[in-house]
Amino acid sequence: METRVYGVNLDMILDGLEHQRLVDFELSDSEFIEIAESHGLVWSLKGFEHDYNIDGIQRGVLIRFIKL
């Protein structure tokens, strides 16, 4: 099993209902993964550490650590 970091950019969510479900943490992991992949925001732990430390991750991105 590997832990990956998935991010969803709230600015890219156009549907108000989906946006609210994200903020309220109501999305399942599989739904969150699908959106994160469509936004291109998926990291390994090491990759996330690097991007976070160089300020490569913008504000307004919700993240989840998911072990697959």
C-alpha atoms as a PDB file:
ATOM      1  CA  MET A   1       0.000   0.000   0.000  1.00  0.00           C
ATOM      2  CA  GLU A   2       1.162   3.476  -0.816  1.00  0.00           C
ATOM      3  CA  THR A   3      -0.024   6.772   0.626  1.00  0.00           C
ATOM      4  CA  ARG A   4      -0.666   9.485  -1.929  1.00  0.00           C
ATOM      5  CA  VAL A   5      -1.694  13.089  -1.435  1.00  0.00           C
ATOM      6  CA  TYR A   6      -4.731  14.234  -3.395  1.00  0.00           C
ATOM      7  CA  GLY A   7      -5.668  17.889  -3.761  1.00  0.00           C
ATOM      8  CA  VAL A   8      -8.775  19.637  -4.981  1.00  0.00           C
ATOM      9  CA  ASN A   9      -8.599  23.264  -6.045  1.00  0.00           C
ATOM     10  CA  LEU A  10     -11.741  24.932  -4.722  1.00  0.00           C
ATOM     11  CA  ASP A  11     -11.510  27.658  -7.388  1.00  0.00           C
ATOM     12  CA  MET A  12     -11.936  24.982 -10.072  1.00  0.00           C
ATOM     13  CA  ILE A  13     -15.197  23.646  -8.599  1.00  0.00           C
ATOM     14  CA  LEU A  14     -18.048  25.354 -10.401  1.00  0.00           C
ATOM     15  CA  ASP A  15     -20.967  23.433  -8.929  1.00  0.00           C
ATOM     16  CA  GLY A  16     -22.060  25.027  -5.644  1.00  0.00           C
ATOM     17  CA  LEU A  17     -23.345  21.735  -4.262  1.00  0.00           C
ATOM     18  CA  GLU A  18     -20.083  19.902  -5.038  1.00  0.00           C
ATOM     19  CA  HIS A  19     -18.111  22.789  -3.537  1.00  0.00           C
ATOM     20  CA  GLN A  20     -20.155  22.564  -0.326  1.00  0.00           C
ATOM     21  CA  ARG A  21     -19.723  18.768  -0.149  1.00  0.00           C
ATOM     22  CA  LEU A  22     -15.953  19.284  -0.396  1.00  0.00           C
ATOM     23  CA  VAL A  23     -15.872  21.877   2.349  1.00  0.00           C
ATOM     24  CA  ASP A  24     -18.087  19.713   4.568  1.00  0.00           C
ATOM     25  CA  PHE A  25     -15.884  16.635   3.950  1.00  0.00           C
ATOM     26  CA  GLU A  26     -18.839  14.672   2.584  1.00  0.00           C
ATOM     27  CA  LEU A  27     -17.092  13.360  -0.537  1.00  0.00           C
ATOM     28  CA  SER A  28     -15.965   9.750  -0.476  1.00  0.00           C
ATOM     29  CA  ASP A  29     -12.273   9.067  -1.037  1.00  0.00           C
ATOM     30  CA  SER A  30     -13.020   7.737  -4.539  1.00  0.00           C
ATOM     31  CA  GLU A  31     -14.938  10.918  -5.447  1.00  0.00           C
ATOM     32  CA  PHE A  32     -12.130  13.059  -4.023  1.00  0.00           C
ATOM     33  CA  ILE A  33      -9.511  11.086  -5.991  1.00  0.00           C
ATOM     34  CA  GLU A  34     -11.466  11.473  -9.228  1.00  0.00           C
ATOM     35  CA  ILE A  35     -11.675  15.262  -8.834  1.00  0.00           C
ATOM     36  CA  ALA A  36      -8.025  15.562  -7.724  1.00  0.00           C
ATOM     37  CA  GLU A  37      -6.870  13.589 -10.759  1.00  0.00           C
ATOM     38  CA  SER A  38      -8.934  15.818 -13.063  1.00  0.00           C
ATOM     39  CA  HIS A  39      -7.217  18.850 -11.484  1.00  0.00           C
ATOM     40  CA  GLY A  40      -3.784  17.241 -11.836  1.00  0.00           C
ATOM     41  CA  LEU A  41      -3.165  17.484  -8.086  1.00  0.00           C
ATOM     42  CA  VAL A  42      -1.796  14.112  -7.022  1.00  0.00           C
ATOM     43  CA  TRP A  43       1.538  13.692  -5.232  1.00  0.00           C
ATOM     44  CA  SER A  44       3.669  11.033  -3.644  1.00  0.00           C
ATOM     45  CA  LEU A  45       4.502  11.908  -0.034  1.00  0.00           C
ATOM     46  CA  LYS A  46       8.011  13.020  -1.051  1.00  0.00           C
ATOM     47  CA  GLY A  47       6.657  15.068  -3.966  1.00  0.00           C
ATOM     48  CA  PHE A  48       4.120  16.777  -1.717  1.00  0.00           C
ATOM     49  CA  GLU A  49       6.810  17.552   0.859  1.00  0.00           C
ATOM     50  CA  HIS A  50       8.932  19.170  -1.845  1.00  0.00           C
ATOM     51  CA  ASP A  51       6.108  21.209  -3.406  1.00  0.00           C
ATOM     52  CA  TYR A  52       4.813  22.330  -0.007  1.00  0.00           C
ATOM     53  CA  ASN A  53       8.252  23.453   1.159  1.00  0.00           C
ATOM     54  CA  ILE A  54       8.905  25.532  -1.947  1.00  0.00           C
ATOM     55  CA  ASP A  55       5.420  27.100  -1.792  1.00  0.00           C
ATOM     56  CA  GLY A  56       4.422  25.216  -4.919  1.00  0.00           C
ATOM     57  CA  ILE A  57       0.938  24.536  -3.591  1.00  0.00           C
ATOM     58  CA  GLN A  58      -1.483  27.402  -3.805  1.00  0.00           C
ATOM     59  CA  ARG A  59      -4.000  28.440  -1.184  1.00  0.00           C
ATOM     60  CA  GLY A  60      -7.503  27.130  -1.703  1.00  0.00           C
ATOM     61  CA  VAL A  61      -6.414  23.528  -2.290  1.00  0.00           C
ATOM     62  CA  LEU A  62      -7.950  20.970   0.050  1.00  0.00           C
ATOM     63  CA  ILE A  63      -5.831  17.855   0.497  1.00  0.00           C
ATOM     64  CA  ARG A  64      -6.347  14.300   1.674  1.00  0.00           C
ATOM     65  CA  PHE A  65      -3.766  11.661   2.476  1.00  0.00           C
ATOM     66  CA  ILE A  66      -5.175   8.393   1.119  1.00  0.00           C
ATOM     67  CA  LYS A  67      -3.560   4.989   1.381  1.00  0.00           C
ATOM     68  CA  LEU A  68      -4.351   2.738  -1.561  1.00  0.00           C
END
